[in-house]
Amino acid sequence: EKLPMWWVKLGFASTRPLKSWRVNLQDRCLQLEDWINDPLNVPKVVDISKLFNPQSYLTAIKQICCQNQGLELDKLQVFT
């Protein structure tokens, strides 16, 4: 796999092969499309490594949990 020189100049150094990166991006987009099609259905299992900002997802889940169960957000912890 040879990257065009202008990609090399604009991008950052990576040891990950382009094909692997592309497959990962496609998986991320598919996961996001599934949520767009059914935004109120939170999956029981989420591959957070495929999220662009996993911390914001975990924060949102904590907020929803606290609202639904009347808990204090500051005292809730997430274990992954």
C-alpha atoms as a PDB file:
ATOM      1  CA  GLU A   1       0.000   0.000   0.000  1.00  0.00           C
ATOM      2  CA  LYS A   2       1.546   3.231  -1.107  1.00  0.00           C
ATOM      3  CA  LEU A   3      -0.047   6.490  -0.016  1.00  0.00           C
ATOM      4  CA  PRO A   4      -0.065   9.506  -2.295  1.00  0.00           C
ATOM      5  CA  MET A   5       2.601  12.007  -1.268  1.00  0.00           C
ATOM      6  CA  TRP A   6       0.036  14.746  -0.556  1.00  0.00           C
ATOM      7  CA  TRP A   7      -1.664  12.377   1.964  1.00  0.00           C
ATOM      8  CA  VAL A   8       1.662  11.809   3.671  1.00  0.00           C
ATOM      9  CA  LYS A   9       2.270  15.565   3.907  1.00  0.00           C
ATOM     10  CA  LEU A  10      -1.192  16.339   5.321  1.00  0.00           C
ATOM     11  CA  GLY A  11      -1.659  13.259   7.489  1.00  0.00           C
ATOM     12  CA  PHE A  12       0.071  11.946  10.572  1.00  0.00           C
ATOM     13  CA  ALA A  13       2.480   9.062  10.830  1.00  0.00           C
ATOM     14  CA  SER A  14       0.793   5.727  11.452  1.00  0.00           C
ATOM     15  CA  THR A  15       1.864   2.104  11.467  1.00  0.00           C
ATOM     16  CA  ARG A  16      -1.696   0.952  10.771  1.00  0.00           C
ATOM     17  CA  PRO A  17      -2.252  -0.300   7.221  1.00  0.00           C
ATOM     18  CA  LEU A  18      -4.643   1.728   5.094  1.00  0.00           C
ATOM     19  CA  LYS A  19      -6.929  -1.257   4.456  1.00  0.00           C
ATOM     20  CA  SER A  20      -7.351  -1.911   8.196  1.00  0.00           C
ATOM     21  CA  TRP A  21      -8.076   1.773   8.811  1.00  0.00           C
ATOM     22  CA  ARG A  22     -10.683   1.807   6.018  1.00  0.00           C
ATOM     23  CA  VAL A  23     -12.470  -1.300   7.362  1.00  0.00           C
ATOM     24  CA  ASN A  24     -12.541   0.248  10.835  1.00  0.00           C
ATOM     25  CA  LEU A  25     -14.016   3.477   9.437  1.00  0.00           C
ATOM     26  CA  GLN A  26     -16.702   1.517   7.573  1.00  0.00           C
ATOM     27  CA  ASP A  27     -17.605  -0.323  10.796  1.00  0.00           C
ATOM     28  CA  ARG A  28     -17.879   3.008  12.626  1.00  0.00           C
ATOM     29  CA  CYS A  29     -20.136   4.454   9.958  1.00  0.00           C
ATOM     30  CA  LEU A  30     -22.343   1.351   9.977  1.00  0.00           C
ATOM     31  CA  GLN A  31     -22.726   1.547  13.755  1.00  0.00           C
ATOM     32  CA  LEU A  32     -23.687   5.232  13.524  1.00  0.00           C
ATOM     33  CA  GLU A  33     -26.159   4.556  10.692  1.00  0.00           C
ATOM     34  CA  ASP A  34     -27.857   1.885  12.819  1.00  0.00           C
ATOM     35  CA  TRP A  35     -28.353   4.442  15.608  1.00  0.00           C
ATOM     36  CA  ILE A  36     -29.608   7.073  13.173  1.00  0.00           C
ATOM     37  CA  ASN A  37     -32.261   4.650  11.916  1.00  0.00           C
ATOM     38  CA  ASP A  38     -33.452   3.878  15.467  1.00  0.00           C
ATOM     39  CA  PRO A  39     -32.126   6.608  17.818  1.00  0.00           C
ATOM     40  CA  LEU A  40     -34.269   5.680  20.822  1.00  0.00           C
ATOM     41  CA  ASN A  41     -33.046   2.088  20.918  1.00  0.00           C
ATOM     42  CA  VAL A  42     -29.755   2.039  22.835  1.00  0.00           C
ATOM     43  CA  PRO A  43     -27.917  -1.211  22.031  1.00  0.00           C
ATOM     44  CA  LYS A  44     -27.213  -3.579  24.927  1.00  0.00           C
ATOM     45  CA  VAL A  45     -23.645  -4.036  23.697  1.00  0.00           C
ATOM     46  CA  VAL A  46     -21.593  -1.226  22.173  1.00  0.00           C
ATOM     47  CA  ASP A  47     -18.101  -1.489  20.761  1.00  0.00           C
ATOM     48  CA  ILE A  48     -16.878   1.797  22.217  1.00  0.00           C
ATOM     49  CA  SER A  49     -13.558   1.442  20.427  1.00  0.00           C
ATOM     50  CA  LYS A  50     -15.451   2.258  17.223  1.00  0.00           C
ATOM     51  CA  LEU A  51     -16.889   5.501  18.594  1.00  0.00           C
ATOM     52  CA  PHE A  52     -15.237   8.759  17.640  1.00  0.00           C
ATOM     53  CA  ASN A  53     -15.646  10.114  21.176  1.00  0.00           C
ATOM     54  CA  PRO A  54     -16.296   7.236  23.603  1.00  0.00           C
ATOM     55  CA  GLN A  55     -16.164   9.440  26.722  1.00  0.00           C
ATOM     56  CA  SER A  56     -19.175  11.482  25.590  1.00  0.00           C
ATOM     57  CA  TYR A  57     -21.157   8.272  24.993  1.00  0.00           C
ATOM     58  CA  LEU A  58     -20.364   6.996  28.503  1.00  0.00           C
ATOM     59  CA  THR A  59     -21.340  10.372  29.990  1.00  0.00           C
ATOM     60  CA  ALA A  60     -24.663  10.343  28.132  1.00  0.00           C
ATOM     61  CA  ILE A  61     -25.425   6.810  29.356  1.00  0.00           C
ATOM     62  CA  LYS A  62     -24.672   7.884  32.933  1.00  0.00           C
ATOM     63  CA  GLN A  63     -26.993  10.889  32.587  1.00  0.00           C
ATOM     64  CA  ILE A  64     -29.846   8.795  31.199  1.00  0.00           C
ATOM     65  CA  CYS A  65     -29.405   6.197  33.945  1.00  0.00           C
ATOM     66  CA  CYS A  66     -29.462   8.854  36.662  1.00  0.00           C
ATOM     67  CA  GLN A  67     -32.550  10.543  35.212  1.00  0.00           C
ATOM     68  CA  ASN A  68     -34.459   7.270  34.890  1.00  0.00           C
ATOM     69  CA  GLN A  69     -33.566   5.992  38.359  1.00  0.00           C
ATOM     70  CA  GLY A  70     -33.392   9.262  40.301  1.00  0.00           C
ATOM     71  CA  LEU A  71     -29.693   8.855  41.151  1.00  0.00           C
ATOM     72  CA  GLU A  72     -27.021  11.488  41.713  1.00  0.00           C
ATOM     73  CA  LEU A  73     -24.765  11.835  38.679  1.00  0.00           C
ATOM     74  CA  ASP A  74     -21.716  12.700  40.795  1.00  0.00           C
ATOM     75  CA  LYS A  75     -21.923   9.398  42.669  1.00  0.00           C
ATOM     76  CA  LEU A  76     -22.404   7.117  39.650  1.00  0.00           C
ATOM     77  CA  GLN A  77     -19.420   5.145  38.344  1.00  0.00           C
ATOM     78  CA  VAL A  78     -19.012   3.203  35.115  1.00  0.00           C
ATOM     79  CA  PHE A  79     -16.910   0.052  35.017  1.00  0.00           C
ATOM     80  CA  THR A  80     -15.861  -1.239  31.612  1.00  0.00           C
END
